[in-house]
Structures are given as C-alpha cells and as structure tokens.
C-alpha cells in the first residue's frame, strides 16, 4: 500500500551531508511512501543505494542519466 510519493532534490550537496539529509527526509515520511532522491554526487548515490536495503527498505527504481542519479525507495518500516 502506497501512502504517497515524495521527491527530495539533493543536487549540489555532496556526502556526507547529502546522505544525512536523505536519511532525515526518509525518517520523517510515513510507511508506504515512495521517496525519490535526485542526486548529482555518485558517491552519495552509491552510499544510499547500499544503505537503504541494510535498513530494511526496498529500492523500487535506480537510474543514472547524464551524471544525475535517481533513487526511489519504498519505506516499508520505521527505523
């Protein structure tokens, strides 16, 4: 069941601050929400792509185009 969708634009923000902002936004969203992160920092993108499954969340889409990365994560439980 999807509650909604949220987009968080983190372009221009590198790691570690970018990943910290992503986690804060993700934590505030209700369970069932799909959060799409837009990033232009490859290190931050790869970090989040590895981190969310470790936190028990589900990646529903991951793509890269012209050094812009989109990572969509379904929040399946609180952490």
C-alpha atoms as a PDB file:
ATOM      1  CA  UNK A   1       0.000   0.000   0.000  1.00  0.00           C
ATOM      2  CA  UNK A   2       1.453   3.321  -1.054  1.00  0.00           C
ATOM      3  CA  UNK A   3       0.705   6.320   1.084  1.00  0.00           C
ATOM      4  CA  UNK A   4       2.210   8.800  -1.345  1.00  0.00           C
ATOM      5  CA  UNK A   5       5.265   9.923  -3.186  1.00  0.00           C
ATOM      6  CA  UNK A   6       7.910  12.436  -2.226  1.00  0.00           C
ATOM      7  CA  UNK A   7      10.832  13.844  -4.199  1.00  0.00           C
ATOM      8  CA  UNK A   8      13.946  15.142  -2.472  1.00  0.00           C
ATOM      9  CA  UNK A   9      16.361  17.103  -4.682  1.00  0.00           C
ATOM     10  CA  UNK A  10      19.889  16.789  -3.330  1.00  0.00           C
ATOM     11  CA  UNK A  11      21.754  18.049  -6.380  1.00  0.00           C
ATOM     12  CA  UNK A  12      24.714  20.191  -5.436  1.00  0.00           C
ATOM     13  CA  UNK A  13      25.017  18.566  -1.999  1.00  0.00           C
ATOM     14  CA  UNK A  14      27.808  16.044  -1.581  1.00  0.00           C
ATOM     15  CA  UNK A  15      28.399  13.365   1.010  1.00  0.00           C
ATOM     16  CA  UNK A  16      28.275  13.060   3.906  1.00  0.00           C
ATOM     17  CA  UNK A  17      25.774  15.925   4.247  1.00  0.00           C
ATOM     18  CA  UNK A  18      23.698  14.715   1.279  1.00  0.00           C
ATOM     19  CA  UNK A  19      23.199  11.259   2.734  1.00  0.00           C
ATOM     20  CA  UNK A  20      22.389  12.759   6.145  1.00  0.00           C
ATOM     21  CA  UNK A  21      19.680  14.933   4.587  1.00  0.00           C
ATOM     22  CA  UNK A  22      18.335  11.922   2.685  1.00  0.00           C
ATOM     23  CA  UNK A  23      18.047   9.871   5.885  1.00  0.00           C
ATOM     24  CA  UNK A  24      16.344  12.746   7.721  1.00  0.00           C
ATOM     25  CA  UNK A  25      13.763  13.160   4.947  1.00  0.00           C
ATOM     26  CA  UNK A  26      13.242   9.418   4.765  1.00  0.00           C
ATOM     27  CA  UNK A  27      12.777   9.111   8.523  1.00  0.00           C
ATOM     28  CA  UNK A  28      10.050  11.790   8.502  1.00  0.00           C
ATOM     29  CA  UNK A  29       7.996  10.099   5.754  1.00  0.00           C
ATOM     30  CA  UNK A  30       5.177   7.706   6.649  1.00  0.00           C
ATOM     31  CA  UNK A  31       5.470   3.977   5.988  1.00  0.00           C
ATOM     32  CA  UNK A  32       4.226   3.179   2.481  1.00  0.00           C
ATOM     33  CA  UNK A  33       5.696   6.311   0.898  1.00  0.00           C
ATOM     34  CA  UNK A  34       7.986   6.135  -2.120  1.00  0.00           C
ATOM     35  CA  UNK A  35      10.747   8.707  -1.754  1.00  0.00           C
ATOM     36  CA  UNK A  36      12.747   9.609  -4.851  1.00  0.00           C
ATOM     37  CA  UNK A  37      16.144  11.156  -4.265  1.00  0.00           C
ATOM     38  CA  UNK A  38      17.717  13.170  -7.082  1.00  0.00           C
ATOM     39  CA  UNK A  39      21.484  13.417  -6.723  1.00  0.00           C
ATOM     40  CA  UNK A  40      24.489  14.503  -8.743  1.00  0.00           C
ATOM     41  CA  UNK A  41      27.101  13.073  -6.361  1.00  0.00           C
ATOM     42  CA  UNK A  42      27.896   9.494  -7.378  1.00  0.00           C
ATOM     43  CA  UNK A  43      29.445   8.617  -4.009  1.00  0.00           C
ATOM     44  CA  UNK A  44      26.310   9.732  -2.174  1.00  0.00           C
ATOM     45  CA  UNK A  45      24.094   7.823  -4.626  1.00  0.00           C
ATOM     46  CA  UNK A  46      26.083   4.604  -4.165  1.00  0.00           C
ATOM     47  CA  UNK A  47      26.102   5.014  -0.379  1.00  0.00           C
ATOM     48  CA  UNK A  48      22.323   5.405  -0.226  1.00  0.00           C
ATOM     49  CA  UNK A  49      21.791   2.564  -2.687  1.00  0.00           C
ATOM     50  CA  UNK A  50      23.672   0.240  -0.315  1.00  0.00           C
ATOM     51  CA  UNK A  51      22.331   1.707   2.932  1.00  0.00           C
ATOM     52  CA  UNK A  52      18.559   1.555   2.426  1.00  0.00           C
ATOM     53  CA  UNK A  53      18.379  -2.238   1.910  1.00  0.00           C
ATOM     54  CA  UNK A  54      20.523  -2.684   5.033  1.00  0.00           C
ATOM     55  CA  UNK A  55      17.892  -0.650   6.907  1.00  0.00           C
ATOM     56  CA  UNK A  56      15.146  -2.990   5.679  1.00  0.00           C
ATOM     57  CA  UNK A  57      13.807  -0.660   2.982  1.00  0.00           C
ATOM     58  CA  UNK A  58      13.052  -1.538  -0.650  1.00  0.00           C
ATOM     59  CA  UNK A  59      14.626   0.153  -3.657  1.00  0.00           C
ATOM     60  CA  UNK A  60      11.975   0.334  -6.364  1.00  0.00           C
ATOM     61  CA  UNK A  61      13.957   2.200  -9.037  1.00  0.00           C
ATOM     62  CA  UNK A  62      17.539   3.242  -9.580  1.00  0.00           C
ATOM     63  CA  UNK A  63      18.765   5.093 -12.649  1.00  0.00           C
ATOM     64  CA  UNK A  64      21.529   7.353 -13.916  1.00  0.00           C
ATOM     65  CA  UNK A  65      21.372   9.774 -16.823  1.00  0.00           C
ATOM     66  CA  UNK A  66      23.988  12.402 -17.640  1.00  0.00           C
ATOM     67  CA  UNK A  67      25.505  12.187 -14.135  1.00  0.00           C
ATOM     68  CA  UNK A  68      22.149  12.763 -12.472  1.00  0.00           C
ATOM     69  CA  UNK A  69      21.083   9.865 -10.283  1.00  0.00           C
ATOM     70  CA  UNK A  70      17.550   8.986  -9.215  1.00  0.00           C
ATOM     71  CA  UNK A  71      16.950   6.544  -6.412  1.00  0.00           C
ATOM     72  CA  UNK A  72      13.378   5.638  -5.462  1.00  0.00           C
ATOM     73  CA  UNK A  73      12.912   3.864  -2.144  1.00  0.00           C
ATOM     74  CA  UNK A  74       9.736   2.413  -0.656  1.00  0.00           C
ATOM     75  CA  UNK A  75       9.580   2.917   3.094  1.00  0.00           C
ATOM     76  CA  UNK A  76       8.378  -0.455   4.334  1.00  0.00           C
ATOM     77  CA  UNK A  77       9.008   0.076   8.047  1.00  0.00           C
ATOM     78  CA  UNK A  78      10.229   2.598  10.590  1.00  0.00           C
ATOM     79  CA  UNK A  79      13.861   2.591  11.647  1.00  0.00           C
END
